[in-house]
PDB file of N, CA and C in Angstrom:
ATOM      1  N   ILE A   1     138.250  12.973  98.507  1.00  0.00           N
ATOM      2  CA  ILE A   1     139.353  12.116  98.526  1.00  0.00           C
ATOM      3  C   ILE A   1     139.248  10.903  97.894  1.00  0.00           C
ATOM      4  N   LYS A   2     140.254  10.156  97.652  1.00  0.00           N
ATOM      5  CA  LYS A   2     139.851   9.438  96.009  1.00  0.00           C
ATOM      6  C   LYS A   2     140.602   8.202  96.944  1.00  0.00           C
ATOM      7  N   ASP A   3     139.861   6.689  96.544  1.00  0.00           N
ATOM      8  CA  ASP A   3     140.865   5.519  96.692  1.00  0.00           C
ATOM      9  C   ASP A   3     141.703   4.759  95.827  1.00  0.00           C
ATOM     10  N   ALA A   4     142.790   5.114  95.975  1.00  0.00           N
ATOM     11  CA  ALA A   4     143.896   4.556  94.771  1.00  0.00           C
ATOM     12  C   ALA A   4     143.127   2.937  94.491  1.00  0.00           C
ATOM     13  N   CYS A   5     143.052   2.292  95.584  1.00  0.00           N
ATOM     14  CA  CYS A   5     142.517   1.034  94.714  1.00  0.00           C
ATOM     15  C   CYS A   5     141.897   0.651  94.165  1.00  0.00           C
ATOM     16  N   SER A   6     139.964   1.213  94.358  1.00  0.00           N
ATOM     17  CA  SER A   6     139.166   0.809  94.516  1.00  0.00           C
ATOM     18  C   SER A   6     138.684   2.258  93.136  1.00  0.00           C
ATOM     19  N   ARG A   7     139.964   3.014  93.422  1.00  0.00           N
ATOM     20  CA  ARG A   7     139.928   4.938  92.371  1.00  0.00           C
ATOM     21  C   ARG A   7     137.901   4.939  92.334  1.00  0.00           C
ATOM     22  N   LYS A   8     137.733   5.016  93.402  1.00  0.00           N
ATOM     23  CA  LYS A   8     136.273   5.368  93.952  1.00  0.00           C
ATOM     24  C   LYS A   8     136.559   7.035  94.724  1.00  0.00           C
ATOM     25  N   VAL A   9     135.566   7.914  94.148  1.00  0.00           N
ATOM     26  CA  VAL A   9     135.970   9.144  95.515  1.00  0.00           C
ATOM     27  C   VAL A   9     135.092   8.561  96.720  1.00  0.00           C
ATOM     28  N   ILE A  10     135.674   8.644  98.121  1.00  0.00           N
ATOM     29  CA  ILE A  10     135.133   8.421  99.135  1.00  0.00           C
ATOM     30  C   ILE A  10     134.495   9.343 100.035  1.00  0.00           C
ATOM     31  N   ALA A  11     135.267  10.755 100.045  1.00  0.00           N
ATOM     32  CA  ALA A  11     134.629  11.692 100.387  1.00  0.00           C
ATOM     33  C   ALA A  11     134.830  13.245  99.977  1.00  0.00           C
ATOM     34  N   THR A  12     134.142  13.938 100.370  1.00  0.00           N
ATOM     35  CA  THR A  12     134.828  15.172  99.788  1.00  0.00           C
ATOM     36  C   THR A  12     133.765  16.430 100.867  1.00  0.00           C
ATOM     37  N   ALA A  13     134.763  17.099 100.369  1.00  0.00           N
ATOM     38  CA  ALA A  13     134.351  18.790 101.090  1.00  0.00           C
ATOM     39  C   ALA A  13     134.929  19.717 100.180  1.00  0.00           C
ATOM     40  N   MET A  14     133.693  20.614 100.464  1.00  0.00           N
ATOM     41  CA  MET A  14     134.405  22.091  99.061  1.00  0.00           C
ATOM     42  C   MET A  14     133.601  23.322  99.745  1.00  0.00           C
ATOM     43  N   SER A  15     134.878  24.163  99.407  1.00  0.00           N
ATOM     44  CA  SER A  15     134.623  25.106  99.700  1.00  0.00           C
ATOM     45  C   SER A  15     134.989  26.336  98.931  1.00  0.00           C
ATOM     46  N   THR A  16     135.091  27.275  98.825  1.00  0.00           N
ATOM     47  CA  THR A  16     134.960  28.558  97.649  1.00  0.00           C
ATOM     48  C   THR A  16     137.002  28.636  98.232  1.00  0.00           C
ATOM     49  N   THR A  17     137.509  28.371  99.322  1.00  0.00           N
ATOM     50  CA  THR A  17     138.696  28.796  99.317  1.00  0.00           C
ATOM     51  C   THR A  17     139.581  26.877  99.842  1.00  0.00           C
ATOM     52  N   MET A  18     140.704  27.215 100.018  1.00  0.00           N
ATOM     53  CA  MET A  18     141.412  25.628 100.036  1.00  0.00           C
ATOM     54  C   MET A  18     142.310  25.565 101.472  1.00  0.00           C
ATOM     55  N   THR A  19     141.840  25.306 102.303  1.00  0.00           N
ATOM     56  CA  THR A  19     142.284  25.622 103.773  1.00  0.00           C
ATOM     57  C   THR A  19     142.725  23.668 104.564  1.00  0.00           C
ATOM     58  N   THR A  20     143.481  23.995 105.275  1.00  0.00           N
ATOM     59  CA  THR A  20     143.528  22.678 105.887  1.00  0.00           C
ATOM     60  C   THR A  20     142.560  22.436 106.525  1.00  0.00           C
ATOM     61  N   ASP A  21     141.572  22.949 107.275  1.00  0.00           N
ATOM     62  CA  ASP A  21     140.304  23.016 107.637  1.00  0.00           C
ATOM     63  C   ASP A  21     139.850  21.854 107.079  1.00  0.00           C
ATOM     64  N   LEU A  22     139.665  22.946 105.617  1.00  0.00           N
ATOM     65  CA  LEU A  22     138.801  22.104 104.406  1.00  0.00           C
ATOM     66  C   LEU A  22     139.122  20.464 104.120  1.00  0.00           C
ATOM     67  N   VAL A  23     140.680  20.228 103.955  1.00  0.00           N
ATOM     68  CA  VAL A  23     141.067  18.772 104.043  1.00  0.00           C
ATOM     69  C   VAL A  23     141.045  18.106 105.346  1.00  0.00           C
ATOM     70  N   GLU A  24     141.283  19.204 106.306  1.00  0.00           N
ATOM     71  CA  GLU A  24     140.631  17.818 107.195  1.00  0.00           C
ATOM     72  C   GLU A  24     139.154  17.002 107.400  1.00  0.00           C
ATOM     73  N   GLU A  25     138.253  18.248 106.987  1.00  0.00           N
ATOM     74  CA  GLU A  25     137.273  18.001 107.583  1.00  0.00           C
ATOM     75  C   GLU A  25     136.759  16.552 105.819  1.00  0.00           C
ATOM     76  N   ALA A  26     137.470  16.738 104.835  1.00  0.00           N
ATOM     77  CA  ALA A  26     137.598  15.684 104.020  1.00  0.00           C
ATOM     78  C   ALA A  26     138.032  14.441 104.547  1.00  0.00           C
ATOM     79  N   LEU A  27     138.824  14.391 104.974  1.00  0.00           N
ATOM     80  CA  LEU A  27     139.717  13.331 105.665  1.00  0.00           C
ATOM     81  C   LEU A  27     139.271  12.565 106.534  1.00  0.00           C
ATOM     82  N   ARG A  28     138.229  13.367 107.442  1.00  0.00           N
ATOM     83  CA  ARG A  28     137.284  12.875 108.842  1.00  0.00           C
ATOM     84  C   ARG A  28     135.991  12.295 108.240  1.00  0.00           C
ATOM     85  N   ARG A  29     135.677  12.448 107.044  1.00  0.00           N
ATOM     86  CA  ARG A  29     134.552  11.921 106.348  1.00  0.00           C
ATOM     87  C   ARG A  29     134.673  10.842 105.635  1.00  0.00           C
ATOM     88  N   ALA A  30     136.093  10.965 105.305  1.00  0.00           N
ATOM     89  CA  ALA A  30     136.500   8.935 104.604  1.00  0.00           C
ATOM     90  C   ALA A  30     136.807   8.608 105.763  1.00  0.00           C
ATOM     91  N   ARG A  31     137.223   8.992 106.948  1.00  0.00           N
ATOM     92  CA  ARG A  31     137.455   7.869 107.636  1.00  0.00           C
ATOM     93  C   ARG A  31     135.779   7.324 108.463  1.00  0.00           C
ATOM     94  N   ILE A  32     135.240   8.259 108.865  1.00  0.00           N
ATOM     95  CA  ILE A  32     133.634   7.912 109.153  1.00  0.00           C
ATOM     96  C   ILE A  32     132.948   6.975 107.922  1.00  0.00           C
ATOM     97  N   LEU A  33     133.199   6.973 106.571  1.00  0.00           N
ATOM     98  CA  LEU A  33     132.181   6.139 105.542  1.00  0.00           C
ATOM     99  C   LEU A  33     133.059   4.886 105.592  1.00  0.00           C
ATOM    100  N   ARG A  34     134.593   4.933 106.028  1.00  0.00           N
ATOM    101  CA  ARG A  34     135.711   3.824 105.641  1.00  0.00           C
ATOM    102  C   ARG A  34     135.875   2.759 107.047  1.00  0.00           C
ATOM    103  N   PRO A  35     134.778   2.866 107.604  1.00  0.00           N
ATOM    104  CA  PRO A  35     135.545   2.350 109.286  1.00  0.00           C
ATOM    105  C   PRO A  35     136.022   1.210 109.281  1.00  0.00           C
ATOM    106  N   ASN A  36     136.259   0.279 107.947  1.00  0.00           N
ATOM    107  CA  ASN A  36     136.674  -0.702 108.727  1.00  0.00           C
ATOM    108  C   ASN A  36     137.963  -1.009 107.470  1.00  0.00           C
ATOM    109  N   ALA A  37     138.233   0.271 107.328  1.00  0.00           N
ATOM    110  CA  ALA A  37     139.878   0.334 106.467  1.00  0.00           C
ATOM    111  C   ALA A  37     140.639   0.110 107.295  1.00  0.00           C
ATOM    112  N   PRO A  38     142.113  -0.508 107.004  1.00  0.00           N
ATOM    113  CA  PRO A  38     143.006  -0.936 107.735  1.00  0.00           C
ATOM    114  C   PRO A  38     143.334   0.168 108.551  1.00  0.00           C
ATOM    115  N   ARG A  39     144.016  -0.183 109.708  1.00  0.00           N
ATOM    116  CA  ARG A  39     144.184   1.276 110.680  1.00  0.00           C
ATOM    117  C   ARG A  39     144.889   2.497 109.995  1.00  0.00           C
ATOM    118  N   LYS A  40     146.595   1.456 109.134  1.00  0.00           N
ATOM    119  CA  LYS A  40     147.337   2.535 108.822  1.00  0.00           C
ATOM    120  C   LYS A  40     146.785   3.279 107.603  1.00  0.00           C
ATOM    121  N   VAL A  41     146.743   3.789 106.935  1.00  0.00           N
ATOM    122  CA  VAL A  41     147.000   4.548 105.714  1.00  0.00           C
ATOM    123  C   VAL A  41     147.421   5.092 105.086  1.00  0.00           C
ATOM    124  N   ILE A  42     148.005   5.606 103.756  1.00  0.00           N
ATOM    125  CA  ILE A  42     148.562   6.506 103.418  1.00  0.00           C
ATOM    126  C   ILE A  42     147.981   7.200 102.226  1.00  0.00           C
ATOM    127  N   ILE A  43     148.150   8.290 103.169  1.00  0.00           N
ATOM    128  CA  ILE A  43     147.028   9.839 102.433  1.00  0.00           C
ATOM    129  C   ILE A  43     148.937  10.429 101.450  1.00  0.00           C
ATOM    130  N   HIS A  44     148.355  10.398 100.337  1.00  0.00           N
ATOM    131  CA  HIS A  44     148.930  11.300  98.629  1.00  0.00           C
ATOM    132  C   HIS A  44     149.144  12.762  98.501  1.00  0.00           C
ATOM    133  N   SER A  45     149.331  13.508  98.650  1.00  0.00           N
ATOM    134  CA  SER A  45     149.112  14.817  98.118  1.00  0.00           C
ATOM    135  C   SER A  45     150.308  15.511  97.191  1.00  0.00           C
ATOM    136  N   ASP A  46     150.196  16.925  97.248  1.00  0.00           N
ATOM    137  CA  ASP A  46     150.930  17.601  96.582  1.00  0.00           C
ATOM    138  C   ASP A  46     151.659  18.328  98.016  1.00  0.00           C
ATOM    139  N   ARG A  47     152.150  19.489  97.629  1.00  0.00           N
ATOM    140  CA  ARG A  47     152.964  20.164  98.422  1.00  0.00           C
ATOM    141  C   ARG A  47     152.294  21.876  98.951  1.00  0.00           C
ATOM    142  N   GLY A  48     150.756  21.637  98.785  1.00  0.00           N
ATOM    143  CA  GLY A  48     150.453  22.413  99.458  1.00  0.00           C
ATOM    144  C   GLY A  48     150.753  22.685 100.919  1.00  0.00           C
ATOM    145  N   THR A  49     150.591  24.330 100.785  1.00  0.00           N
ATOM    146  CA  THR A  49     150.772  24.441 102.772  1.00  0.00           C
ATOM    147  C   THR A  49     149.242  23.778 103.008  1.00  0.00           C
ATOM    148  N   GLN A  50     148.307  23.571 102.758  1.00  0.00           N
ATOM    149  CA  GLN A  50     147.192  23.164 103.203  1.00  0.00           C
ATOM    150  C   GLN A  50     147.707  21.659 104.198  1.00  0.00           C
ATOM    151  N   PHE A  51     148.301  20.973 103.290  1.00  0.00           N
ATOM    152  CA  PHE A  51     148.441  19.721 103.293  1.00  0.00           C
ATOM    153  C   PHE A  51     150.160  19.517 104.046  1.00  0.00           C
ATOM    154  N   THR A  52     151.169  20.519 104.661  1.00  0.00           N
ATOM    155  CA  THR A  52     152.544  20.738 104.945  1.00  0.00           C
ATOM    156  C   THR A  52     152.292  20.979 106.243  1.00  0.00           C
ATOM    157  N   SER A  53     150.611  21.578 106.552  1.00  0.00           N
ATOM    158  CA  SER A  53     150.742  22.253 108.082  1.00  0.00           C
ATOM    159  C   SER A  53     151.103  21.530 109.294  1.00  0.00           C
ATOM    160  N   GLU A  54     151.148  21.919 110.442  1.00  0.00           N
ATOM    161  CA  GLU A  54     151.053  21.423 111.653  1.00  0.00           C
ATOM    162  C   GLU A  54     149.370  20.544 111.498  1.00  0.00           C
ATOM    163  N   GLN A  55     148.824  21.411 111.497  1.00  0.00           N
ATOM    164  CA  GLN A  55     147.401  21.053 111.580  1.00  0.00           C
ATOM    165  C   GLN A  55     147.353  19.451 110.994  1.00  0.00           C
ATOM    166  N   MET A  56     147.530  19.742 109.780  1.00  0.00           N
ATOM    167  CA  MET A  56     147.761  18.310 109.344  1.00  0.00           C
ATOM    168  C   MET A  56     147.536  17.434 109.675  1.00  0.00           C
ATOM    169  N   TYR A  57     149.205  17.383 109.957  1.00  0.00           N
ATOM    170  CA  TYR A  57     150.115  16.642 110.552  1.00  0.00           C
ATOM    171  C   TYR A  57     149.488  15.858 111.853  1.00  0.00           C
ATOM    172  N   GLU A  58     148.875  16.742 112.567  1.00  0.00           N
ATOM    173  CA  GLU A  58     147.877  15.771 113.846  1.00  0.00           C
ATOM    174  C   GLU A  58     147.082  15.723 113.306  1.00  0.00           C
ATOM    175  N   CYS A  59     146.036  15.942 112.543  1.00  0.00           N
ATOM    176  CA  CYS A  59     145.148  15.271 111.825  1.00  0.00           C
ATOM    177  C   CYS A  59     145.276  13.584 111.876  1.00  0.00           C
ATOM    178  N   CYS A  60     146.220  13.471 110.365  1.00  0.00           N
ATOM    179  CA  CYS A  60     146.657  12.658 110.386  1.00  0.00           C
ATOM    180  C   CYS A  60     147.337  11.304 111.364  1.00  0.00           C
ATOM    181  N   ARG A  61     147.453  11.876 112.692  1.00  0.00           N
ATOM    182  CA  ARG A  61     148.379  11.148 113.280  1.00  0.00           C
ATOM    183  C   ARG A  61     147.120  10.665 114.086  1.00  0.00           C
ATOM    184  N   GLU A  62     146.027  11.261 114.453  1.00  0.00           N
ATOM    185  CA  GLU A  62     145.064  10.901 115.459  1.00  0.00           C
ATOM    186  C   GLU A  62     144.057   9.760 114.069  1.00  0.00           C
ATOM    187  N   LEU A  63     143.650  10.504 112.859  1.00  0.00           N
ATOM    188  CA  LEU A  63     143.324   9.705 112.024  1.00  0.00           C
ATOM    189  C   LEU A  63     144.332   7.814 111.448  1.00  0.00           C
ATOM    190  N   HIS A  64     145.454   8.206 112.528  1.00  0.00           N
ATOM    191  CA  HIS A  64     146.398   6.955 111.576  1.00  0.00           C
ATOM    192  C   HIS A  64     146.557   6.934 110.259  1.00  0.00           C
ATOM    193  N   LEU A  65     146.925   8.117 109.679  1.00  0.00           N
ATOM    194  CA  LEU A  65     147.384   8.302 107.932  1.00  0.00           C
ATOM    195  C   LEU A  65     148.417   8.578 107.975  1.00  0.00           C
ATOM    196  N   ASP A  66     149.363   7.581 107.459  1.00  0.00           N
ATOM    197  CA  ASP A  66     150.731   7.886 106.979  1.00  0.00           C
ATOM    198  C   ASP A  66     150.540   9.001 106.005  1.00  0.00           C
ATOM    199  N   GLN A  67     151.479  10.307 105.891  1.00  0.00           N
ATOM    200  CA  GLN A  67     151.361  10.867 105.007  1.00  0.00           C
ATOM    201  C   GLN A  67     152.409  11.019 103.898  1.00  0.00           C
ATOM    202  N   SER A  68     152.016  11.254 102.376  1.00  0.00           N
ATOM    203  CA  SER A  68     153.105  10.993 101.620  1.00  0.00           C
ATOM    204  C   SER A  68     153.018  12.180 100.320  1.00  0.00           C
ATOM    205  N   MET A  69     154.306  12.802 100.028  1.00  0.00           N
ATOM    206  CA  MET A  69     153.913  13.766  99.622  1.00  0.00           C
ATOM    207  C   MET A  69     154.989  13.698  98.151  1.00  0.00           C
ATOM    208  N   GLY A  70     154.594  14.171  96.675  1.00  0.00           N
ATOM    209  CA  GLY A  70     155.464  14.206  95.622  1.00  0.00           C
ATOM    210  C   GLY A  70     156.502  15.042  96.026  1.00  0.00           C
ATOM    211  N   ARG A  71     157.448  14.979  95.137  1.00  0.00           N
ATOM    212  CA  ARG A  71     158.738  16.000  95.127  1.00  0.00           C
ATOM    213  C   ARG A  71     158.182  17.434  94.314  1.00  0.00           C
ATOM    214  N   THR A  72     159.037  18.076  94.832  1.00  0.00           N
ATOM    215  CA  THR A  72     158.538  19.842  93.651  1.00  0.00           C
ATOM    216  C   THR A  72     158.683  19.492  92.690  1.00  0.00           C
ATOM    217  N   GLY A  73     158.050  19.607  91.209  1.00  0.00           N
ATOM    218  CA  GLY A  73     158.028  19.078  90.235  1.00  0.00           C
ATOM    219  C   GLY A  73     157.882  18.070  89.130  1.00  0.00           C
ATOM    220  N   VAL A  74     157.344  17.389  89.940  1.00  0.00           N
ATOM    221  CA  VAL A  74     157.337  16.158  89.309  1.00  0.00           C
ATOM    222  C   VAL A  74     155.714  15.722  89.756  1.00  0.00           C
ATOM    223  N   CYS A  75     155.216  16.205  88.769  1.00  0.00           N
ATOM    224  CA  CYS A  75     153.559  16.437  88.288  1.00  0.00           C
ATOM    225  C   CYS A  75     152.887  15.338  87.898  1.00  0.00           C
ATOM    226  N   TRP A  76     153.447  14.432  87.602  1.00  0.00           N
ATOM    227  CA  TRP A  76     152.692  12.998  87.283  1.00  0.00           C
ATOM    228  C   TRP A  76     152.556  12.369  88.192  1.00  0.00           C
ATOM    229  N   VAL A  77     153.047  12.137  90.110  1.00  0.00           N
ATOM    230  CA  VAL A  77     152.584  11.526  90.513  1.00  0.00           C
ATOM    231  C   VAL A  77     151.554  12.204  91.375  1.00  0.00           C
ATOM    232  N   ASN A  78     150.607  12.758  90.843  1.00  0.00           N
ATOM    233  CA  ASN A  78     149.220  13.099  91.200  1.00  0.00           C
ATOM    234  C   ASN A  78     147.953  13.088  89.887  1.00  0.00           C
ATOM    235  N   ALA A  79     148.411  12.390  89.042  1.00  0.00           N
ATOM    236  CA  ALA A  79     148.065  11.990  87.998  1.00  0.00           C
ATOM    237  C   ALA A  79     146.365  11.903  87.772  1.00  0.00           C
ATOM    238  N   MET A  80     146.797  10.836  89.048  1.00  0.00           N
ATOM    239  CA  MET A  80     144.973  10.315  89.606  1.00  0.00           C
ATOM    240  C   MET A  80     144.099  11.448  89.577  1.00  0.00           C
ATOM    241  N   ILE A  81     144.637  12.430  90.555  1.00  0.00           N
ATOM    242  CA  ILE A  81     143.342  13.059  91.210  1.00  0.00           C
ATOM    243  C   ILE A  81     143.318  13.926  90.296  1.00  0.00           C
ATOM    244  N   GLU A  82     144.425  14.791  89.766  1.00  0.00           N
ATOM    245  CA  GLU A  82     144.293  15.458  89.006  1.00  0.00           C
ATOM    246  C   GLU A  82     143.250  15.010  87.416  1.00  0.00           C
ATOM    247  N   SER A  83     143.079  13.953  87.055  1.00  0.00           N
ATOM    248  CA  SER A  83     142.055  13.192  86.439  1.00  0.00           C
ATOM    249  C   SER A  83     140.812  13.323  86.863  1.00  0.00           C
ATOM    250  N   GLN A  84     140.510  12.842  87.591  1.00  0.00           N
ATOM    251  CA  GLN A  84     139.305  12.825  88.720  1.00  0.00           C
ATOM    252  C   GLN A  84     138.887  14.225  88.510  1.00  0.00           C
ATOM    253  N   TRP A  85     139.715  15.526  88.873  1.00  0.00           N
ATOM    254  CA  TRP A  85     139.532  16.767  88.647  1.00  0.00           C
ATOM    255  C   TRP A  85     139.135  17.447  87.426  1.00  0.00           C
ATOM    256  N   SER A  86     139.366  16.558  86.249  1.00  0.00           N
ATOM    257  CA  SER A  86     139.318  17.032  84.901  1.00  0.00           C
ATOM    258  C   SER A  86     137.740  16.151  84.654  1.00  0.00           C
ATOM    259  N   VAL A  87     137.441  14.952  85.399  1.00  0.00           N
ATOM    260  CA  VAL A  87     136.048  14.582  84.997  1.00  0.00           C
ATOM    261  C   VAL A  87     134.879  15.589  85.680  1.00  0.00           C
ATOM    262  N   LEU A  88     135.430  15.827  86.920  1.00  0.00           N
ATOM    263  CA  LEU A  88     134.455  16.565  87.828  1.00  0.00           C
ATOM    264  C   LEU A  88     134.170  18.004  87.194  1.00  0.00           C
ATOM    265  N   LYS A  89     135.207  18.764  86.160  1.00  0.00           N
ATOM    266  CA  LYS A  89     134.610  19.939  85.487  1.00  0.00           C
ATOM    267  C   LYS A  89     134.100  19.862  84.272  1.00  0.00           C
ATOM    268  N   ALA A  90     134.687  18.911  83.644  1.00  0.00           N
ATOM    269  CA  ALA A  90     134.207  18.522  82.050  1.00  0.00           C
ATOM    270  C   ALA A  90     132.384  17.996  81.956  1.00  0.00           C
ATOM    271  N   GLU A  91     132.422  16.952  82.745  1.00  0.00           N
ATOM    272  CA  GLU A  91     130.913  16.194  82.918  1.00  0.00           C
ATOM    273  C   GLU A  91     130.107  17.013  84.082  1.00  0.00           C
ATOM    274  N   PHE A  92     130.575  17.577  84.943  1.00  0.00           N
ATOM    275  CA  PHE A  92     129.681  18.278  85.928  1.00  0.00           C
ATOM    276  C   PHE A  92     129.403  20.147  85.951  1.00  0.00           C
ATOM    277  N   TYR A  93     130.491  20.522  86.206  1.00  0.00           N
ATOM    278  CA  TYR A  93     130.427  21.797  86.629  1.00  0.00           C
ATOM    279  C   TYR A  93     130.318  22.861  84.921  1.00  0.00           C
ATOM    280  N   ASP A  94     130.791  21.807  84.542  1.00  0.00           N
ATOM    281  CA  ASP A  94     130.919  22.806  82.586  1.00  0.00           C
ATOM    282  C   ASP A  94     129.513  23.025  82.003  1.00  0.00           C
ATOM    283  N   ARG A  95     128.620  22.008  82.972  1.00  0.00           N
ATOM    284  CA  ARG A  95     127.702  21.727  81.960  1.00  0.00           C
ATOM    285  C   ARG A  95     126.316  22.502  82.892  1.00  0.00           C
ATOM    286  N   TYR A  96     126.276  23.100  83.741  1.00  0.00           N
ATOM    287  CA  TYR A  96     125.657  23.710  83.914  1.00  0.00           C
ATOM    288  C   TYR A  96     125.779  25.297  84.876  1.00  0.00           C
ATOM    289  N   GLU A  97     125.255  26.148  84.855  1.00  0.00           N
ATOM    290  CA  GLU A  97     125.107  27.378  85.303  1.00  0.00           C
ATOM    291  C   GLU A  97     124.918  27.416  87.215  1.00  0.00           C
ATOM    292  N   TRP A  98     125.789  28.205  87.528  1.00  0.00           N
ATOM    293  CA  TRP A  98     125.724  28.326  89.054  1.00  0.00           C
ATOM    294  C   TRP A  98     125.555  29.747  89.488  1.00  0.00           C
ATOM    295  N   ASP A  99     124.044  29.576  90.282  1.00  0.00           N
ATOM    296  CA  ASP A  99     123.916  31.454  90.924  1.00  0.00           C
ATOM    297  C   ASP A  99     125.341  32.072  92.117  1.00  0.00           C
ATOM    298  N   THR A 100     125.837  30.726  92.732  1.00  0.00           N
ATOM    299  CA  THR A 100     126.507  30.988  93.639  1.00  0.00           C
ATOM    300  C   THR A 100     127.068  29.917  93.931  1.00  0.00           C
ATOM    301  N   PRO A 101     128.284  30.159  94.980  1.00  0.00           N
ATOM    302  CA  PRO A 101     129.253  28.774  95.045  1.00  0.00           C
ATOM    303  C   PRO A 101     128.956  27.845  95.418  1.00  0.00           C
ATOM    304  N   GLN A 102     127.735  28.358  96.998  1.00  0.00           N
ATOM    305  CA  GLN A 102     126.904  27.176  97.393  1.00  0.00           C
ATOM    306  C   GLN A 102     126.336  26.087  96.689  1.00  0.00           C
ATOM    307  N   GLN A 103     125.810  26.994  95.885  1.00  0.00           N
ATOM    308  CA  GLN A 103     124.342  26.103  94.378  1.00  0.00           C
ATOM    309  C   GLN A 103     126.117  25.095  94.329  1.00  0.00           C
ATOM    310  N   ALA A 104     126.519  25.344  93.879  1.00  0.00           N
ATOM    311  CA  ALA A 104     127.787  24.457  93.331  1.00  0.00           C
ATOM    312  C   ALA A 104     128.153  23.087  94.318  1.00  0.00           C
ATOM    313  N   ILE A 105     128.547  24.111  95.388  1.00  0.00           N
ATOM    314  CA  ILE A 105     129.078  22.994  96.171  1.00  0.00           C
ATOM    315  C   ILE A 105     127.868  21.708  96.797  1.00  0.00           C
ATOM    316  N   GLN A 106     126.598  22.066  96.855  1.00  0.00           N
ATOM    317  CA  GLN A 106     125.370  21.503  97.076  1.00  0.00           C
ATOM    318  C   GLN A 106     125.358  20.378  96.073  1.00  0.00           C
ATOM    319  N   GLY A 107     125.139  21.034  94.879  1.00  0.00           N
ATOM    320  CA  GLY A 107     125.337  20.086  93.460  1.00  0.00           C
ATOM    321  C   GLY A 107     126.070  18.525  93.687  1.00  0.00           C
ATOM    322  N   VAL A 108     127.180  18.601  94.095  1.00  0.00           N
ATOM    323  CA  VAL A 108     128.647  17.485  94.215  1.00  0.00           C
ATOM    324  C   VAL A 108     128.235  16.985  95.791  1.00  0.00           C
ATOM    325  N   GLU A 109     127.931  17.636  96.346  1.00  0.00           N
ATOM    326  CA  GLU A 109     127.735  17.009  98.044  1.00  0.00           C
ATOM    327  C   GLU A 109     126.065  16.299  98.071  1.00  0.00           C
TER     328      GLU A 109
END
């Protein structure tokens, strides 16, 4: 989870698969780490199924997050987070050898 105002990564959750549970874990970590954040916060994502699920809707409602999603086919609305992924891959993952996915996950967290 990246804060668009400070441009800092404030929470992570990693797995070998991208599920709504994974996204929910990251959102809950972010809320715990930023307890003084405004009560209403906007969470922006693409239209992946993990972000459009009923589970995600309920999680966002519970955490007082307003969901925002880019339109289909409009790639630049996610440019900030795509840039973050690029840096993580180039500056971290591509520089090391990982025997297991768990080692890579622990390396970031």
